[in-house]
Amino acid sequence: MLVSTIVVAALGIALERAIEGHLGFAGLIGLLILRTGLGRRNFTCTCVGTSVLATLVLTSL
């Protein structure tokens, strides 16, 4: 149980660092909005965060 918690936390930190490095500050804000929406089960925040990240990914290609 403890090992899985540490692994999930490490993956979350790695994902945040990768998004911040690749998409910049706007990507970090989008990830924060998405994570807040998922944590609070708020559909609007989830959609906004997903839209921000999708737009940043599509424009960076």
PDB file of N, CA and C in Angstrom:
ATOM      1  N   MET A   1       0.827  -1.199   0.000  1.00  0.00           N
ATOM      2  CA  MET A   1       0.000   0.000   0.000  1.00  0.00           C
ATOM      3  C   MET A   1       0.867   1.257   0.000  1.00  0.00           C
ATOM      4  N   LEU A   2       1.873   1.265   0.844  1.00  0.00           N
ATOM      5  CA  LEU A   2       2.743   2.426   0.940  1.00  0.00           C
ATOM      6  C   LEU A   2       3.557   2.610  -0.337  1.00  0.00           C
ATOM      7  N   VAL A   3       4.015   1.507  -0.908  1.00  0.00           N
ATOM      8  CA  VAL A   3       4.811   1.586  -2.130  1.00  0.00           C
ATOM      9  C   VAL A   3       3.967   2.117  -3.278  1.00  0.00           C
ATOM     10  N   SER A   4       2.731   1.664  -3.388  1.00  0.00           N
ATOM     11  CA  SER A   4       1.870   2.145  -4.476  1.00  0.00           C
ATOM     12  C   SER A   4       1.566   3.631  -4.316  1.00  0.00           C
ATOM     13  N   THR A   5       1.410   4.095  -3.103  1.00  0.00           N
ATOM     14  CA  THR A   5       1.169   5.516  -2.857  1.00  0.00           C
ATOM     15  C   THR A   5       2.383   6.344  -3.270  1.00  0.00           C
ATOM     16  N   ILE A   6       3.563   5.869  -2.947  1.00  0.00           N
ATOM     17  CA  ILE A   6       4.780   6.586  -3.320  1.00  0.00           C
ATOM     18  C   ILE A   6       4.965   6.592  -4.828  1.00  0.00           C
ATOM     19  N   VAL A   7       4.669   5.476  -5.481  1.00  0.00           N
ATOM     20  CA  VAL A   7       4.808   5.391  -6.940  1.00  0.00           C
ATOM     21  C   VAL A   7       3.833   6.340  -7.624  1.00  0.00           C
ATOM     22  N   VAL A   8       2.596   6.379  -7.167  1.00  0.00           N
ATOM     23  CA  VAL A   8       1.595   7.270  -7.764  1.00  0.00           C
ATOM     24  C   VAL A   8       1.987   8.726  -7.546  1.00  0.00           C
ATOM     25  N   ALA A   9       2.475   9.054  -6.365  1.00  0.00           N
ATOM     26  CA  ALA A   9       2.915  10.430  -6.096  1.00  0.00           C
ATOM     27  C   ALA A   9       4.101  10.805  -6.988  1.00  0.00           C
ATOM     28  N   ALA A  10       5.036   9.888  -7.174  1.00  0.00           N
ATOM     29  CA  ALA A  10       6.189  10.162  -8.036  1.00  0.00           C
ATOM     30  C   ALA A  10       5.754  10.350  -9.481  1.00  0.00           C
ATOM     31  N   LEU A  11       4.809   9.548  -9.951  1.00  0.00           N
ATOM     32  CA  LEU A  11       4.299   9.707 -11.312  1.00  0.00           C
ATOM     33  C   LEU A  11       3.582  11.046 -11.482  1.00  0.00           C
ATOM     34  N   GLY A  12       2.839  11.455 -10.472  1.00  0.00           N
ATOM     35  CA  GLY A  12       2.161  12.753 -10.525  1.00  0.00           C
ATOM     36  C   GLY A  12       3.141  13.906 -10.597  1.00  0.00           C
ATOM     37  N   ILE A  13       4.197  13.828  -9.814  1.00  0.00           N
ATOM     38  CA  ILE A  13       5.213  14.881  -9.842  1.00  0.00           C
ATOM     39  C   ILE A  13       5.934  14.892 -11.177  1.00  0.00           C
ATOM     40  N   ALA A  14       6.243  13.713 -11.705  1.00  0.00           N
ATOM     41  CA  ALA A  14       6.920  13.632 -13.006  1.00  0.00           C
ATOM     42  C   ALA A  14       6.042  14.195 -14.112  1.00  0.00           C
ATOM     43  N   LEU A  15       4.739  13.918 -14.054  1.00  0.00           N
ATOM     44  CA  LEU A  15       3.806  14.440 -15.056  1.00  0.00           C
ATOM     45  C   LEU A  15       3.737  15.966 -14.982  1.00  0.00           C
ATOM     46  N   GLU A  16       3.666  16.506 -13.778  1.00  0.00           N
ATOM     47  CA  GLU A  16       3.636  17.958 -13.622  1.00  0.00           C
ATOM     48  C   GLU A  16       4.907  18.606 -14.163  1.00  0.00           C
ATOM     49  N   ARG A  17       6.051  18.002 -13.876  1.00  0.00           N
ATOM     50  CA  ARG A  17       7.322  18.557 -14.371  1.00  0.00           C
ATOM     51  C   ARG A  17       7.392  18.495 -15.893  1.00  0.00           C
ATOM     52  N   ALA A  18       6.911  17.389 -16.476  1.00  0.00           N
ATOM     53  CA  ALA A  18       6.952  17.243 -17.934  1.00  0.00           C
ATOM     54  C   ALA A  18       6.044  18.258 -18.612  1.00  0.00           C
ATOM     55  N   ILE A  19       4.851  18.447 -18.062  1.00  0.00           N
ATOM     56  CA  ILE A  19       3.923  19.413 -18.649  1.00  0.00           C
ATOM     57  C   ILE A  19       4.460  20.828 -18.492  1.00  0.00           C
ATOM     58  N   GLU A  20       5.013  21.138 -17.335  1.00  0.00           N
ATOM     59  CA  GLU A  20       5.564  22.479 -17.121  1.00  0.00           C
ATOM     60  C   GLU A  20       6.746  22.734 -18.050  1.00  0.00           C
ATOM     61  N   GLY A  21       7.572  21.730 -18.267  1.00  0.00           N
ATOM     62  CA  GLY A  21       8.726  21.902 -19.138  1.00  0.00           C
ATOM     63  C   GLY A  21       8.345  22.008 -20.597  1.00  0.00           C
ATOM     64  N   HIS A  22       7.330  21.275 -21.010  1.00  0.00           N
ATOM     65  CA  HIS A  22       6.949  21.235 -22.423  1.00  0.00           C
ATOM     66  C   HIS A  22       5.962  22.349 -22.790  1.00  0.00           C
ATOM     67  N   LEU A  23       4.996  22.605 -21.944  1.00  0.00           N
ATOM     68  CA  LEU A  23       3.935  23.557 -22.272  1.00  0.00           C
ATOM     69  C   LEU A  23       4.028  24.872 -21.504  1.00  0.00           C
ATOM     70  N   GLY A  24       4.957  24.979 -20.591  1.00  0.00           N
ATOM     71  CA  GLY A  24       5.161  26.228 -19.865  1.00  0.00           C
ATOM     72  C   GLY A  24       4.167  26.444 -18.738  1.00  0.00           C
ATOM     73  N   PHE A  25       4.075  27.678 -18.337  1.00  0.00           N
ATOM     74  CA  PHE A  25       3.227  28.053 -17.200  1.00  0.00           C
ATOM     75  C   PHE A  25       1.748  27.818 -17.493  1.00  0.00           C
ATOM     76  N   ALA A  26       1.325  28.051 -18.732  1.00  0.00           N
ATOM     77  CA  ALA A  26      -0.081  27.824 -19.090  1.00  0.00           C
ATOM     78  C   ALA A  26      -0.456  26.347 -18.953  1.00  0.00           C
ATOM     79  N   GLY A  27       0.467  25.460 -19.272  1.00  0.00           N
ATOM     80  CA  GLY A  27       0.214  24.031 -19.104  1.00  0.00           C
ATOM     81  C   GLY A  27       0.067  23.649 -17.646  1.00  0.00           C
ATOM     82  N   LEU A  28       0.865  24.277 -16.805  1.00  0.00           N
ATOM     83  CA  LEU A  28       0.763  24.024 -15.370  1.00  0.00           C
ATOM     84  C   LEU A  28      -0.575  24.506 -14.824  1.00  0.00           C
ATOM     85  N   ILE A  29      -1.037  25.658 -15.271  1.00  0.00           N
ATOM     86  CA  ILE A  29      -2.343  26.176 -14.845  1.00  0.00           C
ATOM     87  C   ILE A  29      -3.463  25.248 -15.330  1.00  0.00           C
ATOM     88  N   GLY A  30      -3.369  24.792 -16.584  1.00  0.00           N
ATOM     89  CA  GLY A  30      -4.375  23.867 -17.115  1.00  0.00           C
ATOM     90  C   GLY A  30      -4.418  22.573 -16.326  1.00  0.00           C
ATOM     91  N   LEU A  31      -3.241  22.044 -15.963  1.00  0.00           N
ATOM     92  CA  LEU A  31      -3.187  20.824 -15.167  1.00  0.00           C
ATOM     93  C   LEU A  31      -3.769  21.047 -13.785  1.00  0.00           C
ATOM     94  N   LEU A  32      -3.512  22.203 -13.195  1.00  0.00           N
ATOM     95  CA  LEU A  32      -4.052  22.525 -11.879  1.00  0.00           C
ATOM     96  C   LEU A  32      -5.573  22.613 -11.916  1.00  0.00           C
ATOM     97  N   ILE A  33      -6.124  23.238 -12.945  1.00  0.00           N
ATOM     98  CA  ILE A  33      -7.584  23.334 -13.083  1.00  0.00           C
ATOM     99  C   ILE A  33      -8.186  21.946 -13.288  1.00  0.00           C
ATOM    100  N   LEU A  34      -7.535  21.140 -14.127  1.00  0.00           N
ATOM    101  CA  LEU A  34      -8.025  19.786 -14.368  1.00  0.00           C
ATOM    102  C   LEU A  34      -7.999  18.957 -13.094  1.00  0.00           C
ATOM    103  N   ARG A  35      -6.901  19.031 -12.349  1.00  0.00           N
ATOM    104  CA  ARG A  35      -6.793  18.252 -11.118  1.00  0.00           C
ATOM    105  C   ARG A  35      -7.807  18.708 -10.067  1.00  0.00           C
ATOM    106  N   THR A  36      -8.049  20.019 -10.000  1.00  0.00           N
ATOM    107  CA  THR A  36      -9.051  20.531  -9.069  1.00  0.00           C
ATOM    108  C   THR A  36     -10.447  20.035  -9.453  1.00  0.00           C
ATOM    109  N   GLY A  37     -10.751  20.062 -10.745  1.00  0.00           N
ATOM    110  CA  GLY A  37     -12.052  19.587 -11.208  1.00  0.00           C
ATOM    111  C   GLY A  37     -12.268  18.108 -10.935  1.00  0.00           C
ATOM    112  N   LEU A  38     -11.222  17.309 -11.132  1.00  0.00           N
ATOM    113  CA  LEU A  38     -11.345  15.880 -10.861  1.00  0.00           C
ATOM    114  C   LEU A  38     -11.468  15.610  -9.369  1.00  0.00           C
ATOM    115  N   GLY A  39     -10.705  16.348  -8.574  1.00  0.00           N
ATOM    116  CA  GLY A  39     -10.736  16.139  -7.123  1.00  0.00           C
ATOM    117  C   GLY A  39     -12.062  16.527  -6.490  1.00  0.00           C
ATOM    118  N   ARG A  40     -12.651  17.593  -6.982  1.00  0.00           N
ATOM    119  CA  ARG A  40     -13.923  18.065  -6.419  1.00  0.00           C
ATOM    120  C   ARG A  40     -15.140  17.587  -7.201  1.00  0.00           C
ATOM    121  N   ARG A  41     -14.861  16.788  -8.243  1.00  0.00           N
ATOM    122  CA  ARG A  41     -15.908  16.258  -9.123  1.00  0.00           C
ATOM    123  C   ARG A  41     -16.748  17.381  -9.722  1.00  0.00           C
ATOM    124  N   ASN A  42     -16.044  18.400 -10.173  1.00  0.00           N
ATOM    125  CA  ASN A  42     -16.673  19.552 -10.802  1.00  0.00           C
ATOM    126  C   ASN A  42     -16.484  19.425 -12.309  1.00  0.00           C
ATOM    127  N   PHE A  43     -17.581  19.198 -13.002  1.00  0.00           N
ATOM    128  CA  PHE A  43     -17.532  18.938 -14.441  1.00  0.00           C
ATOM    129  C   PHE A  43     -17.001  20.136 -15.215  1.00  0.00           C
ATOM    130  N   THR A  44     -17.354  21.343 -14.801  1.00  0.00           N
ATOM    131  CA  THR A  44     -16.920  22.545 -15.507  1.00  0.00           C
ATOM    132  C   THR A  44     -15.410  22.725 -15.428  1.00  0.00           C
ATOM    133  N   CYS A  45     -14.842  22.585 -14.246  1.00  0.00           N
ATOM    134  CA  CYS A  45     -13.391  22.712 -14.095  1.00  0.00           C
ATOM    135  C   CYS A  45     -12.663  21.623 -14.873  1.00  0.00           C
ATOM    136  N   THR A  46     -13.204  20.425 -14.860  1.00  0.00           N
ATOM    137  CA  THR A  46     -12.590  19.329 -15.604  1.00  0.00           C
ATOM    138  C   THR A  46     -12.572  19.631 -17.092  1.00  0.00           C
ATOM    139  N   CYS A  47     -13.667  20.136 -17.620  1.00  0.00           N
ATOM    140  CA  CYS A  47     -13.742  20.469 -19.046  1.00  0.00           C
ATOM    141  C   CYS A  47     -12.814  21.626 -19.403  1.00  0.00           C
ATOM    142  N   VAL A  48     -12.744  22.635 -18.555  1.00  0.00           N
ATOM    143  CA  VAL A  48     -11.875  23.776 -18.827  1.00  0.00           C
ATOM    144  C   VAL A  48     -10.408  23.339 -18.805  1.00  0.00           C
ATOM    145  N   GLY A  49     -10.010  22.563 -17.808  1.00  0.00           N
ATOM    146  CA  GLY A  49      -8.635  22.088 -17.730  1.00  0.00           C
ATOM    147  C   GLY A  49      -8.264  21.210 -18.913  1.00  0.00           C
ATOM    148  N   THR A  50      -9.173  20.333 -19.320  1.00  0.00           N
ATOM    149  CA  THR A  50      -8.930  19.476 -20.470  1.00  0.00           C
ATOM    150  C   THR A  50      -8.817  20.305 -21.738  1.00  0.00           C
ATOM    151  N   SER A  51      -9.672  21.291 -21.878  1.00  0.00           N
ATOM    152  CA  SER A  51      -9.631  22.149 -23.063  1.00  0.00           C
ATOM    153  C   SER A  51      -8.336  22.946 -23.143  1.00  0.00           C
ATOM    154  N   VAL A  52      -7.884  23.472 -22.026  1.00  0.00           N
ATOM    155  CA  VAL A  52      -6.636  24.233 -22.008  1.00  0.00           C
ATOM    156  C   VAL A  52      -5.466  23.342 -22.407  1.00  0.00           C
ATOM    157  N   LEU A  53      -5.381  22.152 -21.806  1.00  0.00           N
ATOM    158  CA  LEU A  53      -4.278  21.254 -22.129  1.00  0.00           C
ATOM    159  C   LEU A  53      -4.339  20.779 -23.577  1.00  0.00           C
ATOM    160  N   ALA A  54      -5.531  20.453 -24.055  1.00  0.00           N
ATOM    161  CA  ALA A  54      -5.671  19.997 -25.444  1.00  0.00           C
ATOM    162  C   ALA A  54      -5.278  21.106 -26.419  1.00  0.00           C
ATOM    163  N   THR A  55      -5.681  22.332 -26.132  1.00  0.00           N
ATOM    164  CA  THR A  55      -5.331  23.447 -26.999  1.00  0.00           C
ATOM    165  C   THR A  55      -3.827  23.683 -27.013  1.00  0.00           C
ATOM    166  N   LEU A  56      -3.194  23.612 -25.864  1.00  0.00           N
ATOM    167  CA  LEU A  56      -1.746  23.801 -25.799  1.00  0.00           C
ATOM    168  C   LEU A  56      -1.000  22.695 -26.531  1.00  0.00           C
ATOM    169  N   VAL A  57      -1.465  21.469 -26.383  1.00  0.00           N
ATOM    170  CA  VAL A  57      -0.811  20.358 -27.078  1.00  0.00           C
ATOM    171  C   VAL A  57      -0.973  20.490 -28.576  1.00  0.00           C
ATOM    172  N   LEU A  58      -2.171  20.843 -29.021  1.00  0.00           N
ATOM    173  CA  LEU A  58      -2.407  20.963 -30.472  1.00  0.00           C
ATOM    174  C   LEU A  58      -1.641  22.120 -31.085  1.00  0.00           C
ATOM    175  N   THR A  59      -1.484  23.203 -30.356  1.00  0.00           N
ATOM    176  CA  THR A  59      -0.750  24.346 -30.906  1.00  0.00           C
ATOM    177  C   THR A  59       0.754  24.145 -30.858  1.00  0.00           C
ATOM    178  N   SER A  60       1.227  23.233 -30.003  1.00  0.00           N
ATOM    179  CA  SER A  60       2.664  23.005 -29.926  1.00  0.00           C
ATOM    180  C   SER A  60       3.148  22.000 -30.958  1.00  0.00           C
ATOM    181  N   LEU A  61       2.242  21.365 -31.656  1.00  0.00           N
ATOM    182  CA  LEU A  61       2.663  20.379 -32.674  1.00  0.00           C
ATOM    183  C   LEU A  61       3.141  21.049 -33.876  1.00  0.00           C
TER     184      LEU A  61
END
